[in-house]
N, C-alpha and C. Protein backbone atom coordinates (compact mmCIF):
# COMPACT_ATOMS: atom_id res chain seq x y z
N MET A 1 59.66 -83.53 3.96
CA MET A 1 59.13 -84.00 5.14
C MET A 1 59.61 -85.55 5.33
N LYS A 2 59.22 -86.36 4.22
CA LYS A 2 59.40 -87.91 4.04
C LYS A 2 60.93 -88.60 4.36
N LYS A 3 61.80 -87.14 3.96
CA LYS A 3 63.36 -87.50 3.88
C LYS A 3 63.65 -87.45 5.31
N THR A 4 63.30 -86.56 6.35
CA THR A 4 62.82 -86.09 7.60
C THR A 4 62.75 -87.22 8.31
N ILE A 5 61.39 -88.15 8.03
CA ILE A 5 61.15 -89.01 8.91
C ILE A 5 61.75 -90.40 8.66
N ILE A 6 62.40 -90.64 7.46
CA ILE A 6 63.26 -91.48 7.34
C ILE A 6 64.55 -91.53 7.80
N SER A 7 65.09 -90.09 7.92
CA SER A 7 66.81 -89.91 8.51
C SER A 7 66.34 -90.14 9.87
N ILE A 8 65.36 -89.97 10.76
CA ILE A 8 64.73 -90.16 12.20
C ILE A 8 64.66 -91.39 12.44
N VAL A 9 64.07 -92.28 11.48
CA VAL A 9 63.97 -93.65 11.90
C VAL A 9 65.29 -94.44 11.33
N VAL A 10 65.87 -93.98 10.67
CA VAL A 10 67.22 -94.59 10.18
C VAL A 10 68.27 -94.55 11.82
N LEU A 11 68.11 -93.10 12.01
CA LEU A 11 69.15 -92.57 12.99
C LEU A 11 68.50 -93.24 14.56
N ILE A 12 67.35 -93.70 14.58
CA ILE A 12 66.79 -94.23 15.84
C ILE A 12 66.73 -95.70 15.77
N VAL A 13 67.04 -96.37 14.59
CA VAL A 13 67.71 -97.74 14.55
C VAL A 13 69.17 -98.13 14.90
N ILE A 14 69.64 -97.11 14.54
CA ILE A 14 71.47 -96.93 14.72
C ILE A 14 71.64 -96.73 15.86
N LEU A 15 70.95 -95.91 16.53
CA LEU A 15 71.07 -95.88 17.54
C LEU A 15 70.72 -97.03 18.81
N SER A 16 69.85 -97.66 18.48
CA SER A 16 69.55 -99.22 19.27
C SER A 16 70.15 -100.31 18.92
N VAL A 17 70.77 -100.41 17.90
CA VAL A 17 71.87 -101.29 17.33
C VAL A 17 73.23 -100.82 18.10
N ILE A 18 73.57 -99.91 18.60
CA ILE A 18 74.53 -99.04 18.95
C ILE A 18 74.27 -99.74 20.60
N LEU A 19 73.60 -99.26 21.08
CA LEU A 19 72.79 -99.38 22.70
C LEU A 19 72.70 -101.03 23.00
N GLY A 20 72.27 -101.80 22.02
CA GLY A 20 71.96 -103.00 22.28
C GLY A 20 73.60 -103.67 22.59
N CYS A 21 74.46 -103.46 21.24
CA CYS A 21 75.77 -103.96 21.22
C CYS A 21 76.46 -103.60 22.65
N SER A 22 76.32 -102.32 23.24
CA SER A 22 77.01 -102.11 24.24
C SER A 22 76.46 -102.50 25.30
N ILE A 23 75.23 -102.78 25.71
CA ILE A 23 74.40 -103.68 26.61
C ILE A 23 74.96 -105.17 26.83
N LEU A 24 75.11 -105.78 25.59
CA LEU A 24 75.31 -107.03 25.37
C LEU A 24 76.93 -107.27 25.73
N TYR A 25 77.70 -106.24 25.59
CA TYR A 25 79.25 -106.55 25.67
C TYR A 25 79.67 -106.29 27.11
N THR A 26 78.91 -105.17 27.89
CA THR A 26 78.60 -105.13 29.22
C THR A 26 78.27 -106.25 29.93
N ASN A 27 77.38 -107.08 29.46
CA ASN A 27 76.87 -108.42 30.38
C ASN A 27 77.62 -109.33 29.86
N GLY A 28 78.32 -109.12 28.72
CA GLY A 28 79.31 -110.38 28.18
C GLY A 28 80.55 -110.42 29.45
N ILE A 29 81.06 -109.17 29.85
CA ILE A 29 82.53 -109.32 30.25
C ILE A 29 82.22 -109.04 31.77
N ALA A 30 80.93 -108.95 32.06
CA ALA A 30 80.36 -108.88 33.67
C ALA A 30 80.88 -110.22 34.09
N PRO A 31 80.77 -110.34 35.55
CA PRO A 31 81.29 -111.38 36.21
C PRO A 31 79.84 -112.61 36.17
N VAL A 32 80.73 -113.71 36.05
CA VAL A 32 80.09 -115.15 35.80
C VAL A 32 78.79 -115.14 37.34
N THR A 33 79.05 -114.67 38.41
CA THR A 33 78.19 -115.03 39.48
C THR A 33 78.37 -113.93 40.50
N LYS A 34 77.51 -113.70 41.17
CA LYS A 34 77.84 -112.58 42.48
C LYS A 34 78.53 -113.60 43.52
N ASP A 35 78.25 -114.71 43.51
CA ASP A 35 78.81 -115.58 44.69
C ASP A 35 80.16 -115.55 44.49
N SER A 36 80.93 -115.94 45.56
CA SER A 36 82.49 -116.00 45.64
C SER A 36 82.80 -117.63 45.57
N LYS A 37 83.42 -117.82 44.29
CA LYS A 37 84.13 -119.16 44.38
C LYS A 37 85.61 -119.41 43.81
N LYS A 38 86.40 -119.51 44.36
CA LYS A 38 87.95 -119.06 44.40
C LYS A 38 88.26 -120.44 43.33
N VAL A 39 89.12 -120.35 42.48
CA VAL A 39 89.52 -121.22 41.39
C VAL A 39 90.89 -121.06 40.93
N SER A 40 91.60 -122.17 41.21
CA SER A 40 93.23 -122.14 40.72
C SER A 40 92.97 -122.13 39.31
N PHE A 41 93.95 -120.99 39.09
CA PHE A 41 93.88 -121.16 37.36
C PHE A 41 95.52 -121.28 36.75
N THR A 42 95.81 -122.15 35.95
CA THR A 42 97.35 -122.20 35.68
C THR A 42 97.30 -121.27 34.14
N VAL A 43 98.46 -120.64 34.26
CA VAL A 43 98.67 -120.17 32.57
C VAL A 43 99.69 -120.69 32.53
N PRO A 44 99.80 -121.64 31.25
CA PRO A 44 100.83 -122.35 31.11
C PRO A 44 101.60 -121.74 29.98
N LYS A 45 103.10 -121.97 30.02
CA LYS A 45 104.46 -120.97 29.60
C LYS A 45 104.04 -121.10 28.07
N GLY A 46 104.51 -119.63 27.69
CA GLY A 46 103.85 -119.51 26.01
C GLY A 46 102.67 -118.99 25.71
N SER A 47 101.46 -118.95 26.67
CA SER A 47 100.30 -118.75 26.68
C SER A 47 100.25 -117.08 26.32
N SER A 48 98.84 -116.47 25.73
CA SER A 48 98.88 -115.42 25.16
C SER A 48 97.40 -115.20 25.88
N TYR A 49 96.85 -113.77 26.08
CA TYR A 49 95.60 -113.91 26.48
C TYR A 49 94.41 -114.05 25.71
N LEU A 50 94.67 -114.14 24.21
CA LEU A 50 93.84 -114.86 23.48
C LEU A 50 93.74 -116.35 23.67
N SER A 51 94.92 -117.07 23.62
CA SER A 51 94.69 -118.34 24.20
C SER A 51 93.91 -118.96 25.30
N LEU A 52 93.80 -118.29 26.25
CA LEU A 52 92.85 -118.61 27.50
C LEU A 52 91.55 -118.83 27.71
N ALA A 53 91.31 -117.92 26.41
CA ALA A 53 89.68 -117.74 26.21
C ALA A 53 88.87 -118.89 26.99
N THR A 54 89.44 -120.25 26.04
CA THR A 54 88.50 -121.40 26.31
C THR A 54 88.89 -121.93 27.76
N SER A 55 89.89 -122.24 28.54
CA SER A 55 90.06 -122.47 29.35
C SER A 55 89.37 -121.67 30.34
N LEU A 56 89.66 -120.39 30.25
CA LEU A 56 88.51 -119.46 31.43
C LEU A 56 87.24 -119.90 31.33
N LYS A 57 86.73 -120.03 30.48
CA LYS A 57 85.39 -120.63 30.16
C LYS A 57 84.81 -121.44 30.60
N GLU A 58 85.77 -122.57 30.63
CA GLU A 58 85.77 -123.74 31.08
C GLU A 58 85.99 -124.42 32.47
N GLU A 59 86.62 -123.28 33.21
CA GLU A 59 86.70 -123.06 34.31
C GLU A 59 85.52 -122.07 35.13
N GLY A 60 84.72 -121.96 34.11
CA GLY A 60 83.35 -120.69 34.64
C GLY A 60 83.84 -119.47 35.43
N LEU A 61 84.97 -118.99 34.84
CA LEU A 61 85.51 -117.78 35.28
C LEU A 61 85.09 -116.82 34.30
N ILE A 62 84.72 -116.88 33.05
CA ILE A 62 83.79 -115.83 32.07
C ILE A 62 82.72 -116.49 31.51
N LYS A 63 81.93 -115.40 30.95
CA LYS A 63 80.74 -116.01 30.21
C LYS A 63 80.78 -116.29 28.98
N ASN A 64 81.51 -115.46 28.40
CA ASN A 64 81.46 -115.78 26.96
C ASN A 64 82.96 -115.45 26.51
N GLU A 65 83.42 -116.33 25.38
CA GLU A 65 85.13 -116.28 24.93
C GLU A 65 84.97 -114.99 24.12
N THR A 66 84.35 -114.98 23.30
CA THR A 66 83.92 -113.88 22.43
C THR A 66 84.04 -112.48 23.04
N PHE A 67 83.47 -112.28 23.76
CA PHE A 67 83.45 -111.02 24.54
C PHE A 67 84.80 -110.73 25.25
N TYR A 68 85.21 -111.94 25.85
CA TYR A 68 86.43 -111.76 26.33
C TYR A 68 87.59 -111.47 24.98
N LYS A 69 87.59 -111.98 24.06
CA LYS A 69 88.41 -111.97 23.24
C LYS A 69 88.71 -110.14 22.70
N ILE A 70 87.05 -109.82 22.72
CA ILE A 70 86.65 -108.64 22.06
C ILE A 70 87.29 -107.27 23.12
N TYR A 71 87.15 -107.84 24.55
CA TYR A 71 88.02 -106.93 25.49
C TYR A 71 89.73 -107.00 25.40
N ILE A 72 89.93 -108.00 25.18
CA ILE A 72 91.45 -108.20 25.09
C ILE A 72 91.78 -107.66 23.83
N LYS A 73 91.52 -107.57 22.65
CA LYS A 73 91.85 -106.52 21.36
C LYS A 73 91.49 -105.23 21.74
N LEU A 74 90.41 -104.66 22.79
CA LEU A 74 90.31 -103.47 22.82
C LEU A 74 91.24 -102.81 23.83
N ASN A 75 91.63 -103.51 24.75
CA ASN A 75 92.68 -103.06 25.66
C ASN A 75 93.99 -103.52 25.62
N ASN A 76 94.38 -104.52 24.86
CA ASN A 76 95.75 -104.68 24.59
C ASN A 76 96.48 -105.02 25.57
N PRO A 77 96.09 -105.74 26.75
CA PRO A 77 97.41 -106.23 27.97
C PRO A 77 98.47 -106.98 27.50
N THR A 78 99.59 -106.53 28.23
CA THR A 78 101.11 -107.21 27.35
C THR A 78 102.07 -107.97 28.37
N ASN A 79 101.22 -107.88 29.75
CA ASN A 79 102.08 -108.86 30.72
C ASN A 79 101.45 -109.84 31.21
N LEU A 80 101.80 -111.26 30.61
CA LEU A 80 101.38 -112.29 31.19
C LEU A 80 102.26 -113.32 31.40
N ASP A 81 102.20 -113.65 32.92
CA ASP A 81 103.22 -114.68 33.26
C ASP A 81 102.85 -116.09 33.92
N ALA A 82 103.65 -117.42 33.05
CA ALA A 82 103.28 -118.61 33.17
C ALA A 82 103.51 -118.74 34.68
N ASN A 83 102.18 -118.84 35.36
CA ASN A 83 101.90 -119.24 37.04
C ASN A 83 100.65 -119.96 37.02
N THR A 84 100.42 -120.00 38.56
CA THR A 84 99.16 -120.49 39.01
C THR A 84 98.44 -119.55 39.80
N TYR A 85 97.44 -119.08 39.54
CA TYR A 85 96.89 -117.91 39.73
C TYR A 85 95.49 -117.86 40.55
N ILE A 86 95.09 -117.51 41.71
CA ILE A 86 94.24 -117.86 42.45
C ILE A 86 92.65 -116.69 42.03
N LEU A 87 91.97 -117.11 40.98
CA LEU A 87 90.93 -116.21 40.65
C LEU A 87 89.59 -116.70 41.39
N ASP A 88 88.72 -115.91 41.03
CA ASP A 88 87.12 -115.94 41.60
C ASP A 88 86.01 -115.66 40.76
N THR A 89 84.88 -116.43 40.77
CA THR A 89 83.78 -116.36 39.82
C THR A 89 83.13 -114.94 39.78
N ASN A 90 83.13 -113.83 40.95
CA ASN A 90 82.53 -112.89 40.94
C ASN A 90 83.82 -111.82 40.21
N MET A 91 84.68 -112.30 39.97
CA MET A 91 85.86 -111.03 39.37
C MET A 91 84.82 -110.31 38.08
N GLY A 92 84.77 -111.03 37.23
CA GLY A 92 84.55 -110.41 35.84
C GLY A 92 85.98 -110.10 34.88
N VAL A 93 85.77 -110.08 33.60
CA VAL A 93 86.67 -110.32 32.62
C VAL A 93 87.53 -108.63 32.64
N LYS A 94 87.26 -107.72 33.20
CA LYS A 94 88.63 -106.80 33.35
C LYS A 94 89.21 -107.31 34.79
N LYS A 95 88.54 -107.42 35.87
CA LYS A 95 89.63 -107.62 37.00
C LYS A 95 90.25 -108.93 36.39
N ILE A 96 89.89 -109.97 35.97
CA ILE A 96 90.55 -111.05 35.70
C ILE A 96 92.30 -110.77 34.91
N VAL A 97 91.51 -109.86 34.10
CA VAL A 97 92.80 -109.42 33.04
C VAL A 97 93.83 -108.47 33.83
N ASP A 98 93.26 -107.91 34.85
CA ASP A 98 94.15 -106.71 35.63
C ASP A 98 95.11 -107.68 36.73
N VAL A 99 94.59 -108.73 37.10
CA VAL A 99 95.41 -109.70 37.81
C VAL A 99 96.34 -110.61 37.29
N LEU A 100 95.90 -111.16 36.10
CA LEU A 100 96.88 -111.55 35.21
C LEU A 100 97.96 -110.74 34.94
N ASN A 101 97.40 -109.43 34.45
CA ASN A 101 98.38 -108.52 34.14
C ASN A 101 99.50 -108.42 34.96
N LYS A 102 98.76 -107.95 36.52
CA LYS A 102 99.85 -107.44 37.23
C LYS A 102 100.44 -108.50 37.91
N GLY A 103 100.16 -109.85 37.85
CA GLY A 103 100.85 -110.84 38.38
C GLY A 103 100.58 -111.09 39.66
N GLU A 104 98.85 -110.60 40.20
CA GLU A 104 98.50 -110.80 41.46
C GLU A 104 97.96 -112.07 41.94
N ASN A 105 97.47 -112.24 43.00
CA ASN A 105 97.25 -113.53 43.54
C ASN A 105 97.82 -115.00 43.09
N VAL A 106 98.96 -114.57 42.97
CA VAL A 106 99.35 -115.84 42.77
C VAL A 106 99.67 -117.12 43.78
N ASP A 107 99.90 -118.28 43.61
CA ASP A 107 99.51 -119.34 44.37
C ASP A 107 100.83 -120.02 44.63
N ASN A 108 102.02 -119.11 44.84
CA ASN A 108 103.10 -119.55 44.80
C ASN A 108 103.89 -119.04 46.03
N VAL A 109 104.56 -119.98 46.74
CA VAL A 109 105.46 -120.05 47.95
C VAL A 109 106.64 -119.82 48.23
N LYS A 110 107.61 -118.86 48.12
CA LYS A 110 109.23 -118.94 48.51
C LYS A 110 109.57 -119.21 49.67
N LEU A 111 110.20 -120.46 49.89
CA LEU A 111 110.61 -120.42 51.14
C LEU A 111 112.38 -120.40 51.08
N THR A 112 113.33 -120.32 51.91
CA THR A 112 114.39 -120.34 52.06
C THR A 112 115.10 -120.95 53.19
N PHE A 113 116.10 -121.83 52.83
CA PHE A 113 116.79 -122.71 53.84
C PHE A 113 117.71 -122.69 53.92
N LYS A 114 118.47 -122.27 55.10
CA LYS A 114 119.95 -121.61 55.54
C LYS A 114 120.88 -122.75 55.19
N GLU A 115 121.85 -122.76 54.91
CA GLU A 115 122.83 -123.99 54.73
C GLU A 115 123.16 -124.58 55.90
N GLY A 116 123.01 -125.80 55.81
CA GLY A 116 123.26 -126.84 57.12
C GLY A 116 122.10 -126.78 58.04
N THR A 117 120.83 -126.46 57.46
CA THR A 117 119.80 -126.35 58.33
C THR A 117 119.03 -128.09 58.44
N ASN A 118 118.80 -128.48 59.66
CA ASN A 118 118.43 -129.73 59.72
C ASN A 118 116.76 -130.03 59.41
N ILE A 119 116.64 -131.14 59.37
CA ILE A 119 115.19 -131.63 58.78
C ILE A 119 114.25 -131.04 59.59
N ARG A 120 114.39 -131.10 61.03
CA ARG A 120 113.48 -130.49 61.81
C ARG A 120 112.91 -128.79 61.33
N SER A 121 114.11 -128.27 61.17
CA SER A 121 114.25 -126.80 61.05
C SER A 121 113.29 -126.54 59.47
N VAL A 122 113.61 -127.56 58.79
CA VAL A 122 113.13 -127.62 57.25
C VAL A 122 111.61 -127.75 57.08
N VAL A 123 111.14 -128.70 58.04
CA VAL A 123 109.57 -129.03 58.17
C VAL A 123 109.03 -128.18 58.65
N SER A 124 109.75 -127.51 59.84
CA SER A 124 109.17 -126.28 60.26
C SER A 124 108.51 -125.30 59.64
N VAL A 125 109.61 -124.64 58.58
CA VAL A 125 109.66 -124.01 57.90
C VAL A 125 108.62 -123.92 56.80
N ILE A 126 108.44 -125.21 56.43
CA ILE A 126 107.71 -125.56 55.30
C ILE A 126 106.12 -125.74 55.87
N SER A 127 106.13 -126.19 56.89
CA SER A 127 104.56 -126.13 57.81
C SER A 127 104.12 -124.69 58.00
N LYS A 128 104.73 -123.94 58.29
CA LYS A 128 104.55 -122.33 58.77
C LYS A 128 104.02 -121.76 57.67
N ASN A 129 104.66 -121.81 56.45
CA ASN A 129 104.69 -121.07 55.56
C ASN A 129 103.68 -121.66 54.09
N THR A 130 103.01 -123.15 54.50
CA THR A 130 102.32 -123.45 53.76
C THR A 130 100.92 -124.04 54.40
N ASN A 131 100.25 -124.92 53.78
CA ASN A 131 99.18 -125.12 54.46
C ASN A 131 99.21 -126.91 55.03
N ASN A 132 100.53 -127.43 54.53
CA ASN A 132 100.88 -128.63 54.96
C ASN A 132 101.21 -128.70 56.28
N LYS A 133 100.93 -130.05 57.21
CA LYS A 133 101.02 -129.85 58.68
C LYS A 133 102.33 -130.91 58.90
N ALA A 134 102.98 -130.27 59.63
CA ALA A 134 104.37 -130.94 59.90
C ALA A 134 104.35 -132.53 59.91
N LYS A 135 103.57 -133.22 60.43
CA LYS A 135 103.11 -134.81 60.17
C LYS A 135 103.29 -134.82 58.73
N ASP A 136 102.44 -134.18 57.98
CA ASP A 136 102.30 -134.46 56.37
C ASP A 136 103.76 -134.39 55.77
N VAL A 137 104.43 -133.38 56.37
CA VAL A 137 105.93 -132.88 55.44
C VAL A 137 107.03 -134.15 56.02
N TYR A 138 106.75 -134.44 57.21
CA TYR A 138 107.80 -135.87 57.71
C TYR A 138 107.25 -137.09 56.93
N SER A 139 106.01 -136.98 56.50
CA SER A 139 105.61 -138.68 55.79
C SER A 139 106.43 -138.57 54.40
N LEU A 140 105.85 -137.46 53.72
CA LEU A 140 106.21 -137.36 52.51
C LEU A 140 107.94 -137.55 52.19
N LEU A 141 108.49 -136.99 53.44
CA LEU A 141 110.21 -136.47 53.33
C LEU A 141 110.78 -138.34 53.26
N LYS A 142 109.76 -138.93 53.97
CA LYS A 142 110.28 -140.63 54.51
C LYS A 142 109.78 -141.39 53.16
N ASP A 143 108.87 -140.95 51.98
CA ASP A 143 108.48 -141.81 51.37
C ASP A 143 109.86 -141.77 50.10
N ASP A 144 109.94 -143.45 50.04
CA ASP A 144 111.18 -143.51 48.84
C ASP A 144 110.96 -143.28 47.73
N ASP A 145 109.62 -143.29 46.98
CA ASP A 145 109.22 -142.70 45.71
C ASP A 145 109.21 -141.48 45.43
N TYR A 146 108.77 -140.45 46.80
CA TYR A 146 109.21 -138.72 46.59
C TYR A 146 110.68 -138.49 46.30
């Protein structure tokens, strides 16, 4: 009888520890906030998912570096391109890793200029495909230092 009670107590303690750890882990990889705040996040060339932990924490994109690293070890994402990504504080670790793995939300614009295009056409293409105004592009192109 005594052994049965001890076994039940040990089983309850083990289950409580497992439940507590899973709650901590789930909370640790959850979004930092429910509010949306876009963050431009740059992945340097030669980076690994594990090496990004500190930067993600400093940018306020993840709650905890340790739980982020555990998630990376458990899921082993493979594809990571050096680029600038638009991430959000309401994404959580899973969504952030998915975006980085798929190369989504990249803050790049590809522009093509036909050979022989004049400067007005170049400025027009730049202003239509970016957040830059034609006036600002002209100013920059006239800048000798640029």
